[in-house]
Amino acid sequence: MLGDLKNPRWMYLKAVLFVLIGLIAATLLLLEHPSWYTAGLLLITIWAFCRAYYFAFYVIEKYIDPRFRFAGLWSVLRYLLTERKADSQAKEIIAKNPGVETSNNRDVDGYGQPPKFQ
């Protein structure tokens, strides 16, 4: 497997290639089915995937869990599956033993704050 891109020129080239691929695919789709309906569905699809990407790579890192830096969609999926399990385990431990510190109890209240014990 190839390593991570480090040269900004290659990163820009990669971004340009993604845009070109998207433009070519959209153009071919609209040439195959030239209708406002198809164009509208294509725009909604693009918008929805952009929002999902924004959530996966910006919202999770900046607002939900700043400890993680994701390398791709697989790492986001792995995080979502394992972090929920770890959070539920931490909640069970804290519920059974108030005052016990766990590695995840900073997220237990859902706001990034440690839970407040009475």
PDB file of N, CA and C in Angstrom:
ATOM      1  N   MET A   1       0.819  -1.177   0.000  1.00  0.00           N
ATOM      2  CA  MET A   1       0.000   0.000   0.000  1.00  0.00           C
ATOM      3  C   MET A   1       0.863   1.239   0.000  1.00  0.00           C
ATOM      4  N   LEU A   2       0.372   2.266  -0.608  1.00  0.00           N
ATOM      5  CA  LEU A   2       1.101   3.525  -0.631  1.00  0.00           C
ATOM      6  C   LEU A   2       0.963   4.258   0.692  1.00  0.00           C
ATOM      7  N   GLY A   3       1.964   5.075   1.001  1.00  0.00           N
ATOM      8  CA  GLY A   3       1.910   5.868   2.226  1.00  0.00           C
ATOM      9  C   GLY A   3       1.010   7.080   2.065  1.00  0.00           C
ATOM     10  N   ASP A   4       0.900   7.859   3.114  1.00  0.00           N
ATOM     11  CA  ASP A   4       0.096   9.079   3.075  1.00  0.00           C
ATOM     12  C   ASP A   4       0.744  10.116   2.174  1.00  0.00           C
ATOM     13  N   LEU A   5      -0.097  10.900   1.520  1.00  0.00           N
ATOM     14  CA  LEU A   5       0.410  12.007   0.719  1.00  0.00           C
ATOM     15  C   LEU A   5       0.932  13.089   1.650  1.00  0.00           C
ATOM     16  N   LYS A   6       2.098  13.608   1.341  1.00  0.00           N
ATOM     17  CA  LYS A   6       2.675  14.670   2.159  1.00  0.00           C
ATOM     18  C   LYS A   6       2.944  15.924   1.332  1.00  0.00           C
ATOM     19  N   ASN A   7       3.056  15.775   0.032  1.00  0.00           N
ATOM     20  CA  ASN A   7       3.351  16.894  -0.848  1.00  0.00           C
ATOM     21  C   ASN A   7       2.048  17.625  -1.195  1.00  0.00           C
ATOM     22  N   PRO A   8       1.970  18.939  -0.885  1.00  0.00           N
ATOM     23  CA  PRO A   8       0.745  19.691  -1.175  1.00  0.00           C
ATOM     24  C   PRO A   8       0.354  19.677  -2.652  1.00  0.00           C
ATOM     25  N   ARG A   9       1.307  19.643  -3.554  1.00  0.00           N
ATOM     26  CA  ARG A   9       0.986  19.608  -4.986  1.00  0.00           C
ATOM     27  C   ARG A   9       0.209  18.347  -5.347  1.00  0.00           C
ATOM     28  N   TRP A  10       0.622  17.205  -4.800  1.00  0.00           N
ATOM     29  CA  TRP A  10      -0.083  15.953  -5.064  1.00  0.00           C
ATOM     30  C   TRP A  10      -1.469  15.966  -4.431  1.00  0.00           C
ATOM     31  N   MET A  11      -1.574  16.608  -3.266  1.00  0.00           N
ATOM     32  CA  MET A  11      -2.877  16.716  -2.609  1.00  0.00           C
ATOM     33  C   MET A  11      -3.834  17.556  -3.454  1.00  0.00           C
ATOM     34  N   TYR A  12      -3.349  18.668  -3.987  1.00  0.00           N
ATOM     35  CA  TYR A  12      -4.176  19.502  -4.863  1.00  0.00           C
ATOM     36  C   TYR A  12      -4.561  18.749  -6.132  1.00  0.00           C
ATOM     37  N   LEU A  13      -3.611  18.020  -6.688  1.00  0.00           N
ATOM     38  CA  LEU A  13      -3.901  17.234  -7.885  1.00  0.00           C
ATOM     39  C   LEU A  13      -4.983  16.195  -7.585  1.00  0.00           C
ATOM     40  N   LYS A  14      -4.874  15.555  -6.446  1.00  0.00           N
ATOM     41  CA  LYS A  14      -5.873  14.565  -6.055  1.00  0.00           C
ATOM     42  C   LYS A  14      -7.247  15.213  -5.936  1.00  0.00           C
ATOM     43  N   ALA A  15      -7.322  16.393  -5.326  1.00  0.00           N
ATOM     44  CA  ALA A  15      -8.600  17.101  -5.189  1.00  0.00           C
ATOM     45  C   ALA A  15      -9.170  17.460  -6.557  1.00  0.00           C
ATOM     46  N   VAL A  16      -8.322  17.942  -7.454  1.00  0.00           N
ATOM     47  CA  VAL A  16      -8.774  18.292  -8.804  1.00  0.00           C
ATOM     48  C   VAL A  16      -9.289  17.048  -9.530  1.00  0.00           C
ATOM     49  N   LEU A  17      -8.598  15.930  -9.375  1.00  0.00           N
ATOM     50  CA  LEU A  17      -9.049  14.695 -10.011  1.00  0.00           C
ATOM     51  C   LEU A  17     -10.409  14.237  -9.469  1.00  0.00           C
ATOM     52  N   PHE A  18     -10.622  14.385  -8.176  1.00  0.00           N
ATOM     53  CA  PHE A  18     -11.931  14.041  -7.611  1.00  0.00           C
ATOM     54  C   PHE A  18     -13.033  14.919  -8.202  1.00  0.00           C
ATOM     55  N   VAL A  19     -12.759  16.206  -8.320  1.00  0.00           N
ATOM     56  CA  VAL A  19     -13.751  17.114  -8.907  1.00  0.00           C
ATOM     57  C   VAL A  19     -14.020  16.731 -10.359  1.00  0.00           C
ATOM     58  N   LEU A  20     -12.970  16.426 -11.105  1.00  0.00           N
ATOM     59  CA  LEU A  20     -13.149  16.018 -12.504  1.00  0.00           C
ATOM     60  C   LEU A  20     -13.962  14.727 -12.619  1.00  0.00           C
ATOM     61  N   ILE A  21     -13.659  13.767 -11.777  1.00  0.00           N
ATOM     62  CA  ILE A  21     -14.410  12.509 -11.787  1.00  0.00           C
ATOM     63  C   ILE A  21     -15.888  12.789 -11.511  1.00  0.00           C
ATOM     64  N   GLY A  22     -16.163  13.616 -10.522  1.00  0.00           N
ATOM     65  CA  GLY A  22     -17.545  13.955 -10.192  1.00  0.00           C
ATOM     66  C   GLY A  22     -18.251  14.680 -11.323  1.00  0.00           C
ATOM     67  N   LEU A  23     -17.559  15.634 -11.943  1.00  0.00           N
ATOM     68  CA  LEU A  23     -18.163  16.366 -13.064  1.00  0.00           C
ATOM     69  C   LEU A  23     -18.438  15.459 -14.258  1.00  0.00           C
ATOM     70  N   ILE A  24     -17.501  14.595 -14.563  1.00  0.00           N
ATOM     71  CA  ILE A  24     -17.688  13.669 -15.686  1.00  0.00           C
ATOM     72  C   ILE A  24     -18.856  12.722 -15.411  1.00  0.00           C
ATOM     73  N   ALA A  25     -18.910  12.160 -14.195  1.00  0.00           N
ATOM     74  CA  ALA A  25     -19.998  11.241 -13.847  1.00  0.00           C
ATOM     75  C   ALA A  25     -21.350  11.949 -13.896  1.00  0.00           C
ATOM     76  N   ALA A  26     -21.428  13.163 -13.353  1.00  0.00           N
ATOM     77  CA  ALA A  26     -22.689  13.909 -13.372  1.00  0.00           C
ATOM     78  C   ALA A  26     -23.100  14.249 -14.805  1.00  0.00           C
ATOM     79  N   THR A  27     -22.139  14.646 -15.621  1.00  0.00           N
ATOM     80  CA  THR A  27     -22.440  14.973 -17.015  1.00  0.00           C
ATOM     81  C   THR A  27     -22.955  13.752 -17.759  1.00  0.00           C
ATOM     82  N   LEU A  28     -22.294  12.616 -17.579  1.00  0.00           N
ATOM     83  CA  LEU A  28     -22.740  11.391 -18.249  1.00  0.00           C
ATOM     84  C   LEU A  28     -24.140  10.978 -17.782  1.00  0.00           C
ATOM     85  N   LEU A  29     -24.401  11.120 -16.496  1.00  0.00           N
ATOM     86  CA  LEU A  29     -25.717  10.774 -15.978  1.00  0.00           C
ATOM     87  C   LEU A  29     -26.801  11.681 -16.581  1.00  0.00           C
ATOM     88  N   LEU A  30     -26.518  12.980 -16.651  1.00  0.00           N
ATOM     89  CA  LEU A  30     -27.502  13.914 -17.204  1.00  0.00           C
ATOM     90  C   LEU A  30     -27.654  13.755 -18.711  1.00  0.00           C
ATOM     91  N   LEU A  31     -26.594  13.337 -19.397  1.00  0.00           N
ATOM     92  CA  LEU A  31     -26.725  13.064 -20.831  1.00  0.00           C
ATOM     93  C   LEU A  31     -27.563  11.805 -21.074  1.00  0.00           C
ATOM     94  N   GLU A  32     -27.436  10.843 -20.187  1.00  0.00           N
ATOM     95  CA  GLU A  32     -28.199   9.599 -20.298  1.00  0.00           C
ATOM     96  C   GLU A  32     -29.680   9.813 -19.970  1.00  0.00           C
ATOM     97  N   HIS A  33     -29.949  10.657 -18.964  1.00  0.00           N
ATOM     98  CA  HIS A  33     -31.320  10.934 -18.505  1.00  0.00           C
ATOM     99  C   HIS A  33     -31.506  12.443 -18.347  1.00  0.00           C
ATOM    100  N   PRO A  34     -31.658  13.169 -19.438  1.00  0.00           N
ATOM    101  CA  PRO A  34     -31.749  14.638 -19.358  1.00  0.00           C
ATOM    102  C   PRO A  34     -33.124  15.114 -18.875  1.00  0.00           C
ATOM    103  N   SER A  35     -33.259  15.241 -17.561  1.00  0.00           N
ATOM    104  CA  SER A  35     -34.514  15.758 -17.012  1.00  0.00           C
ATOM    105  C   SER A  35     -34.213  16.553 -15.753  1.00  0.00           C
ATOM    106  N   TRP A  36     -35.146  17.431 -15.406  1.00  0.00           N
ATOM    107  CA  TRP A  36     -34.993  18.201 -14.177  1.00  0.00           C
ATOM    108  C   TRP A  36     -35.073  17.285 -12.960  1.00  0.00           C
ATOM    109  N   TYR A  37     -35.843  16.239 -13.083  1.00  0.00           N
ATOM    110  CA  TYR A  37     -35.981  15.275 -11.995  1.00  0.00           C
ATOM    111  C   TYR A  37     -34.626  14.630 -11.672  1.00  0.00           C
ATOM    112  N   THR A  38     -33.951  14.164 -12.723  1.00  0.00           N
ATOM    113  CA  THR A  38     -32.633  13.545 -12.538  1.00  0.00           C
ATOM    114  C   THR A  38     -31.634  14.549 -11.984  1.00  0.00           C
ATOM    115  N   ALA A  39     -31.656  15.775 -12.504  1.00  0.00           N
ATOM    116  CA  ALA A  39     -30.740  16.818 -12.020  1.00  0.00           C
ATOM    117  C   ALA A  39     -31.014  17.121 -10.548  1.00  0.00           C
ATOM    118  N   GLY A  40     -32.279  17.187 -10.173  1.00  0.00           N
ATOM    119  CA  GLY A  40     -32.627  17.454  -8.777  1.00  0.00           C
ATOM    120  C   GLY A  40     -32.171  16.346  -7.846  1.00  0.00           C
ATOM    121  N   LEU A  41     -32.415  15.101  -8.257  1.00  0.00           N
ATOM    122  CA  LEU A  41     -31.962  13.977  -7.436  1.00  0.00           C
ATOM    123  C   LEU A  41     -30.440  13.943  -7.320  1.00  0.00           C
ATOM    124  N   LEU A  42     -29.763  14.280  -8.391  1.00  0.00           N
ATOM    125  CA  LEU A  42     -28.296  14.320  -8.363  1.00  0.00           C
ATOM    126  C   LEU A  42     -27.806  15.393  -7.393  1.00  0.00           C
ATOM    127  N   LEU A  43     -28.425  16.567  -7.421  1.00  0.00           N
ATOM    128  CA  LEU A  43     -28.039  17.639  -6.493  1.00  0.00           C
ATOM    129  C   LEU A  43     -28.306  17.250  -5.044  1.00  0.00           C
ATOM    130  N   ILE A  44     -29.443  16.622  -4.790  1.00  0.00           N
ATOM    131  CA  ILE A  44     -29.757  16.184  -3.425  1.00  0.00           C
ATOM    132  C   ILE A  44     -28.757  15.126  -2.963  1.00  0.00           C
ATOM    133  N   THR A  45     -28.403  14.212  -3.838  1.00  0.00           N
ATOM    134  CA  THR A  45     -27.424  13.170  -3.502  1.00  0.00           C
ATOM    135  C   THR A  45     -26.075  13.785  -3.161  1.00  0.00           C
ATOM    136  N   ILE A  46     -25.616  14.708  -3.986  1.00  0.00           N
ATOM    137  CA  ILE A  46     -24.326  15.366  -3.739  1.00  0.00           C
ATOM    138  C   ILE A  46     -24.362  16.112  -2.412  1.00  0.00           C
ATOM    139  N   TRP A  47     -25.429  16.863  -2.166  1.00  0.00           N
ATOM    140  CA  TRP A  47     -25.561  17.631  -0.933  1.00  0.00           C
ATOM    141  C   TRP A  47     -25.552  16.703   0.290  1.00  0.00           C
ATOM    142  N   ALA A  48     -26.324  15.615   0.211  1.00  0.00           N
ATOM    143  CA  ALA A  48     -26.423  14.702   1.347  1.00  0.00           C
ATOM    144  C   ALA A  48     -25.078  14.049   1.670  1.00  0.00           C
ATOM    145  N   PHE A  49     -24.346  13.621   0.648  1.00  0.00           N
ATOM    146  CA  PHE A  49     -23.043  13.007   0.898  1.00  0.00           C
ATOM    147  C   PHE A  49     -22.027  14.028   1.416  1.00  0.00           C
ATOM    148  N   CYS A  50     -22.127  15.263   0.951  1.00  0.00           N
ATOM    149  CA  CYS A  50     -21.238  16.310   1.487  1.00  0.00           C
ATOM    150  C   CYS A  50     -21.507  16.548   2.963  1.00  0.00           C
ATOM    151  N   ARG A  51     -22.780  16.567   3.349  1.00  0.00           N
ATOM    152  CA  ARG A  51     -23.126  16.760   4.761  1.00  0.00           C
ATOM    153  C   ARG A  51     -22.667  15.572   5.609  1.00  0.00           C
ATOM    154  N   ALA A  52     -22.801  14.369   5.076  1.00  0.00           N
ATOM    155  CA  ALA A  52     -22.337  13.184   5.815  1.00  0.00           C
ATOM    156  C   ALA A  52     -20.823  13.222   5.987  1.00  0.00           C
ATOM    157  N   TYR A  53     -20.117  13.638   4.958  1.00  0.00           N
ATOM    158  CA  TYR A  53     -18.665  13.745   5.029  1.00  0.00           C
ATOM    159  C   TYR A  53     -18.265  14.796   6.065  1.00  0.00           C
ATOM    160  N   TYR A  54     -18.952  15.933   6.039  1.00  0.00           N
ATOM    161  CA  TYR A  54     -18.699  16.999   7.014  1.00  0.00           C
ATOM    162  C   TYR A  54     -18.904  16.475   8.433  1.00  0.00           C
ATOM    163  N   PHE A  55     -19.986  15.738   8.645  1.00  0.00           N
ATOM    164  CA  PHE A  55     -20.237  15.172   9.965  1.00  0.00           C
ATOM    165  C   PHE A  55     -19.130  14.206  10.369  1.00  0.00           C
ATOM    166  N   ALA A  56     -18.778  13.313   9.452  1.00  0.00           N
ATOM    167  CA  ALA A  56     -17.800  12.266   9.781  1.00  0.00           C
ATOM    168  C   ALA A  56     -16.428  12.834  10.114  1.00  0.00           C
ATOM    169  N   PHE A  57     -16.014  13.879   9.416  1.00  0.00           N
ATOM    170  CA  PHE A  57     -14.636  14.334   9.590  1.00  0.00           C
ATOM    171  C   PHE A  57     -14.486  15.666  10.292  1.00  0.00           C
ATOM    172  N   TYR A  58     -15.541  16.430  10.432  1.00  0.00           N
ATOM    173  CA  TYR A  58     -15.400  17.706  11.127  1.00  0.00           C
ATOM    174  C   TYR A  58     -16.182  17.712  12.433  1.00  0.00           C
ATOM    175  N   VAL A  59     -17.439  17.391  12.387  1.00  0.00           N
ATOM    176  CA  VAL A  59     -18.278  17.455  13.581  1.00  0.00           C
ATOM    177  C   VAL A  59     -17.781  16.496  14.656  1.00  0.00           C
ATOM    178  N   ILE A  60     -17.475  15.262  14.282  1.00  0.00           N
ATOM    179  CA  ILE A  60     -17.010  14.300  15.292  1.00  0.00           C
ATOM    180  C   ILE A  60     -15.711  14.790  15.924  1.00  0.00           C
ATOM    181  N   GLU A  61     -14.753  15.243  15.114  1.00  0.00           N
ATOM    182  CA  GLU A  61     -13.459  15.688  15.658  1.00  0.00           C
ATOM    183  C   GLU A  61     -13.566  16.972  16.466  1.00  0.00           C
ATOM    184  N   LYS A  62     -14.355  17.930  16.013  1.00  0.00           N
ATOM    185  CA  LYS A  62     -14.383  19.244  16.660  1.00  0.00           C
ATOM    186  C   LYS A  62     -15.378  19.338  17.806  1.00  0.00           C
ATOM    187  N   TYR A  63     -16.488  18.619  17.733  1.00  0.00           N
ATOM    188  CA  TYR A  63     -17.555  18.803  18.713  1.00  0.00           C
ATOM    189  C   TYR A  63     -17.865  17.577  19.560  1.00  0.00           C
ATOM    190  N   ILE A  64     -17.647  16.381  19.034  1.00  0.00           N
ATOM    191  CA  ILE A  64     -18.032  15.179  19.776  1.00  0.00           C
ATOM    192  C   ILE A  64     -16.847  14.584  20.519  1.00  0.00           C
ATOM    193  N   ASP A  65     -15.734  14.358  19.827  1.00  0.00           N
ATOM    194  CA  ASP A  65     -14.582  13.719  20.462  1.00  0.00           C
ATOM    195  C   ASP A  65     -13.287  14.217  19.835  1.00  0.00           C
ATOM    196  N   PRO A  66     -12.708  15.272  20.378  1.00  0.00           N
ATOM    197  CA  PRO A  66     -11.495  15.846  19.784  1.00  0.00           C
ATOM    198  C   PRO A  66     -10.245  14.966  19.918  1.00  0.00           C
ATOM    199  N   ARG A  67     -10.342  13.842  20.627  1.00  0.00           N
ATOM    200  CA  ARG A  67      -9.179  12.950  20.757  1.00  0.00           C
ATOM    201  C   ARG A  67      -8.864  12.225  19.461  1.00  0.00           C
ATOM    202  N   PHE A  68      -9.856  12.050  18.599  1.00  0.00           N
ATOM    203  CA  PHE A  68      -9.676  11.203  17.434  1.00  0.00           C
ATOM    204  C   PHE A  68      -9.391  11.998  16.177  1.00  0.00           C
ATOM    205  N   ARG A  69      -8.497  11.467  15.353  1.00  0.00           N
ATOM    206  CA  ARG A  69      -8.194  11.995  14.021  1.00  0.00           C
ATOM    207  C   ARG A  69      -8.445  10.847  13.061  1.00  0.00           C
ATOM    208  N   PHE A  70      -9.420  11.014  12.199  1.00  0.00           N
ATOM    209  CA  PHE A  70      -9.847   9.931  11.341  1.00  0.00           C
ATOM    210  C   PHE A  70      -9.048   9.900  10.049  1.00  0.00           C
ATOM    211  N   ALA A  71      -8.754   8.696   9.586  1.00  0.00           N
ATOM    212  CA  ALA A  71      -7.968   8.514   8.367  1.00  0.00           C
ATOM    213  C   ALA A  71      -8.841   8.189   7.171  1.00  0.00           C
ATOM    214  N   GLY A  72     -10.086   7.906   7.381  1.00  0.00           N
ATOM    215  CA  GLY A  72     -10.978   7.554   6.283  1.00  0.00           C
ATOM    216  C   GLY A  72     -12.308   7.075   6.813  1.00  0.00           C
ATOM    217  N   LEU A  73     -13.191   6.725   5.895  1.00  0.00           N
ATOM    218  CA  LEU A  73     -14.530   6.303   6.306  1.00  0.00           C
ATOM    219  C   LEU A  73     -14.511   5.041   7.154  1.00  0.00           C
ATOM    220  N   TRP A  74     -13.574   4.129   6.899  1.00  0.00           N
ATOM    221  CA  TRP A  74     -13.491   2.915   7.711  1.00  0.00           C
ATOM    222  C   TRP A  74     -13.128   3.246   9.143  1.00  0.00           C
ATOM    223  N   SER A  75     -12.237   4.226   9.335  1.00  0.00           N
ATOM    224  CA  SER A  75     -11.867   4.582  10.706  1.00  0.00           C
ATOM    225  C   SER A  75     -13.036   5.251  11.424  1.00  0.00           C
ATOM    226  N   VAL A  76     -13.870   6.016  10.710  1.00  0.00           N
ATOM    227  CA  VAL A  76     -15.063   6.607  11.312  1.00  0.00           C
ATOM    228  C   VAL A  76     -16.032   5.499  11.733  1.00  0.00           C
ATOM    229  N   LEU A  77     -16.256   4.546  10.853  1.00  0.00           N
ATOM    230  CA  LEU A  77     -17.159   3.439  11.166  1.00  0.00           C
ATOM    231  C   LEU A  77     -16.640   2.647  12.363  1.00  0.00           C
ATOM    232  N   ARG A  78     -15.338   2.348  12.359  1.00  0.00           N
ATOM    233  CA  ARG A  78     -14.735   1.613  13.477  1.00  0.00           C
ATOM    234  C   ARG A  78     -14.899   2.408  14.774  1.00  0.00           C
ATOM    235  N   TYR A  79     -14.676   3.723  14.716  1.00  0.00           N
ATOM    236  CA  TYR A  79     -14.832   4.575  15.890  1.00  0.00           C
ATOM    237  C   TYR A  79     -16.272   4.531  16.403  1.00  0.00           C
ATOM    238  N   LEU A  80     -17.230   4.690  15.496  1.00  0.00           N
ATOM    239  CA  LEU A  80     -18.634   4.706  15.909  1.00  0.00           C
ATOM    240  C   LEU A  80     -19.043   3.388  16.549  1.00  0.00           C
ATOM    241  N   LEU A  81     -18.550   2.276  16.018  1.00  0.00           N
ATOM    242  CA  LEU A  81     -18.909   0.970  16.571  1.00  0.00           C
ATOM    243  C   LEU A  81     -18.224   0.700  17.904  1.00  0.00           C
ATOM    244  N   THR A  82     -16.944   1.018  18.024  1.00  0.00           N
ATOM    245  CA  THR A  82     -16.212   0.712  19.257  1.00  0.00           C
ATOM    246  C   THR A  82     -16.459   1.743  20.342  1.00  0.00           C
ATOM    247  N   GLU A  83     -16.614   3.001  19.994  1.00  0.00           N
ATOM    248  CA  GLU A  83     -16.802   4.043  21.002  1.00  0.00           C
ATOM    249  C   GLU A  83     -18.146   3.896  21.697  1.00  0.00           C
ATOM    250  N   ARG A  84     -19.180   3.541  20.974  1.00  0.00           N
ATOM    251  CA  ARG A  84     -20.488   3.337  21.605  1.00  0.00           C
ATOM    252  C   ARG A  84     -20.430   2.191  22.608  1.00  0.00           C
ATOM    253  N   LYS A  85     -19.727   1.118  22.228  1.00  0.00           N
ATOM    254  CA  LYS A  85     -19.595  -0.023  23.131  1.00  0.00           C
ATOM    255  C   LYS A  85     -18.824   0.396  24.378  1.00  0.00           C
ATOM    256  N   ALA A  86     -17.731   1.145  24.191  1.00  0.00           N
ATOM    257  CA  ALA A  86     -16.932   1.593  25.331  1.00  0.00           C
ATOM    258  C   ALA A  86     -17.731   2.544  26.216  1.00  0.00           C
ATOM    259  N   ASP A  87     -18.517   3.443  25.619  1.00  0.00           N
ATOM    260  CA  ASP A  87     -19.334   4.360  26.404  1.00  0.00           C
ATOM    261  C   ASP A  87     -20.386   3.620  27.216  1.00  0.00           C
ATOM    262  N   SER A  88     -21.028   2.610  26.602  1.00  0.00           N
ATOM    263  CA  SER A  88     -22.048   1.871  27.348  1.00  0.00           C
ATOM    264  C   SER A  88     -21.415   1.087  28.493  1.00  0.00           C
ATOM    265  N   GLN A  89     -20.214   0.543  28.284  1.00  0.00           N
ATOM    266  CA  GLN A  89     -19.524  -0.161  29.361  1.00  0.00           C
ATOM    267  C   GLN A  89     -19.155   0.797  30.487  1.00  0.00           C
ATOM    268  N   ALA A  90     -18.698   1.991  30.136  1.00  0.00           N
ATOM    269  CA  ALA A  90     -18.342   2.982  31.149  1.00  0.00           C
ATOM    270  C   ALA A  90     -19.570   3.416  31.934  1.00  0.00           C
ATOM    271  N   LYS A  91     -20.698   3.595  31.263  1.00  0.00           N
ATOM    272  CA  LYS A  91     -21.931   3.979  31.955  1.00  0.00           C
ATOM    273  C   LYS A  91     -22.353   2.905  32.946  1.00  0.00           C
ATOM    274  N   GLU A  92     -22.206   1.622  32.565  1.00  0.00           N
ATOM    275  CA  GLU A  92     -22.557   0.523  33.469  1.00  0.00           C
ATOM    276  C   GLU A  92     -21.665   0.528  34.700  1.00  0.00           C
ATOM    277  N   ILE A  93     -20.370   0.734  34.500  1.00  0.00           N
ATOM    278  CA  ILE A  93     -19.425   0.750  35.625  1.00  0.00           C
ATOM    279  C   ILE A  93     -19.755   1.894  36.564  1.00  0.00           C
ATOM    280  N   ILE A  94     -20.001   3.068  35.996  1.00  0.00           N
ATOM    281  CA  ILE A  94     -20.291   4.241  36.825  1.00  0.00           C
ATOM    282  C   ILE A  94     -21.615   4.072  37.555  1.00  0.00           C
ATOM    283  N   ALA A  95     -22.613   3.490  36.877  1.00  0.00           N
ATOM    284  CA  ALA A  95     -23.914   3.281  37.528  1.00  0.00           C
ATOM    285  C   ALA A  95     -23.788   2.323  38.713  1.00  0.00           C
ATOM    286  N   LYS A  96     -22.954   1.300  38.581  1.00  0.00           N
ATOM    287  CA  LYS A  96     -22.799   0.309  39.656  1.00  0.00           C
ATOM    288  C   LYS A  96     -21.882   0.811  40.767  1.00  0.00           C
ATOM    289  N   ASN A  97     -20.910   1.681  40.404  1.00  0.00           N
ATOM    290  CA  ASN A  97     -19.910   2.138  41.366  1.00  0.00           C
ATOM    291  C   ASN A  97     -19.743   3.656  41.258  1.00  0.00           C
ATOM    292  N   PRO A  98     -20.632   4.436  41.825  1.00  0.00           N
ATOM    293  CA  PRO A  98     -20.490   5.893  41.729  1.00  0.00           C
ATOM    294  C   PRO A  98     -19.138   6.350  42.249  1.00  0.00           C
ATOM    295  N   GLY A  99     -18.531   7.267  41.560  1.00  0.00           N
ATOM    296  CA  GLY A  99     -17.235   7.795  41.962  1.00  0.00           C
ATOM    297  C   GLY A  99     -16.055   7.094  41.333  1.00  0.00           C
ATOM    298  N   VAL A 100     -16.277   5.975  40.641  1.00  0.00           N
ATOM    299  CA  VAL A 100     -15.196   5.238  40.010  1.00  0.00           C
ATOM    300  C   VAL A 100     -14.772   5.971  38.742  1.00  0.00           C
ATOM    301  N   GLU A 101     -13.484   6.164  38.592  1.00  0.00           N
ATOM    302  CA  GLU A 101     -12.957   6.814  37.394  1.00  0.00           C
ATOM    303  C   GLU A 101     -12.749   5.767  36.307  1.00  0.00           C
ATOM    304  N   THR A 102     -13.179   6.089  35.096  1.00  0.00           N
ATOM    305  CA  THR A 102     -12.917   5.240  33.932  1.00  0.00           C
ATOM    306  C   THR A 102     -12.290   6.101  32.859  1.00  0.00           C
ATOM    307  N   SER A 103     -11.724   5.449  31.858  1.00  0.00           N
ATOM    308  CA  SER A 103     -11.096   6.204  30.777  1.00  0.00           C
ATOM    309  C   SER A 103     -12.116   6.937  29.934  1.00  0.00           C
ATOM    310  N   ASN A 104     -13.381   6.523  29.988  1.00  0.00           N
ATOM    311  CA  ASN A 104     -14.405   7.137  29.145  1.00  0.00           C
ATOM    312  C   ASN A 104     -15.358   8.046  29.902  1.00  0.00           C
ATOM    313  N   ASN A 105     -15.219   8.202  31.203  1.00  0.00           N
ATOM    314  CA  ASN A 105     -16.274   8.910  31.911  1.00  0.00           C
ATOM    315  C   ASN A 105     -16.285  10.406  31.612  1.00  0.00           C
ATOM    316  N   ARG A 106     -15.339  10.914  30.887  1.00  0.00           N
ATOM    317  CA  ARG A 106     -15.408  12.314  30.479  1.00  0.00           C
ATOM    318  C   ARG A 106     -16.514  12.519  29.459  1.00  0.00           C
ATOM    319  N   ASP A 107     -16.918  11.449  28.752  1.00  0.00           N
ATOM    320  CA  ASP A 107     -17.943  11.553  27.733  1.00  0.00           C
ATOM    321  C   ASP A 107     -19.295  11.029  28.199  1.00  0.00           C
ATOM    322  N   VAL A 108     -19.378  10.564  29.419  1.00  0.00           N
ATOM    323  CA  VAL A 108     -20.589   9.873  29.844  1.00  0.00           C
ATOM    324  C   VAL A 108     -21.804  10.783  29.801  1.00  0.00           C
ATOM    325  N   ASP A 109     -21.649  12.061  30.158  1.00  0.00           N
ATOM    326  CA  ASP A 109     -22.834  12.918  30.148  1.00  0.00           C
ATOM    327  C   ASP A 109     -23.186  13.392  28.747  1.00  0.00           C
ATOM    328  N   GLY A 110     -22.382  13.070  27.741  1.00  0.00           N
ATOM    329  CA  GLY A 110     -22.687  13.412  26.373  1.00  0.00           C
ATOM    330  C   GLY A 110     -22.244  14.800  25.961  1.00  0.00           C
ATOM    331  N   TYR A 111     -21.679  15.557  26.867  1.00  0.00           N
ATOM    332  CA  TYR A 111     -21.270  16.926  26.541  1.00  0.00           C
ATOM    333  C   TYR A 111     -19.770  17.134  26.699  1.00  0.00           C
ATOM    334  N   GLY A 112     -19.027  16.061  26.831  1.00  0.00           N
ATOM    335  CA  GLY A 112     -17.579  16.174  26.965  1.00  0.00           C
ATOM    336  C   GLY A 112     -17.141  16.566  28.356  1.00  0.00           C
ATOM    337  N   GLN A 113     -18.073  16.592  29.325  1.00  0.00           N
ATOM    338  CA  GLN A 113     -17.752  16.952  30.696  1.00  0.00           C
ATOM    339  C   GLN A 113     -17.807  15.686  31.546  1.00  0.00           C
ATOM    340  N   PRO A 114     -16.916  15.606  32.528  1.00  0.00           N
ATOM    341  CA  PRO A 114     -17.003  14.442  33.419  1.00  0.00           C
ATOM    342  C   PRO A 114     -18.337  14.451  34.157  1.00  0.00           C
ATOM    343  N   PRO A 115     -18.881  13.295  34.441  1.00  0.00           N
ATOM    344  CA  PRO A 115     -20.153  13.273  35.160  1.00  0.00           C
ATOM    345  C   PRO A 115     -19.985  13.833  36.573  1.00  0.00           C
ATOM    346  N   LYS A 116     -21.018  14.451  37.074  1.00  0.00           N
ATOM    347  CA  LYS A 116     -20.990  15.015  38.424  1.00  0.00           C
ATOM    348  C   LYS A 116     -21.635  14.012  39.360  1.00  0.00           C
ATOM    349  N   PHE A 117     -20.837  13.545  40.320  1.00  0.00           N
ATOM    350  CA  PHE A 117     -21.335  12.567  41.279  1.00  0.00           C
ATOM    351  C   PHE A 117     -21.907  13.285  42.469  1.00  0.00           C
ATOM    352  N   GLN A 118     -23.018  12.774  42.972  1.00  0.00           N
ATOM    353  CA  GLN A 118     -23.709  13.401  44.136  1.00  0.00           C
ATOM    354  C   GLN A 118     -23.083  12.907  45.401  1.00  0.00           C
TER     355      GLN A 118
END
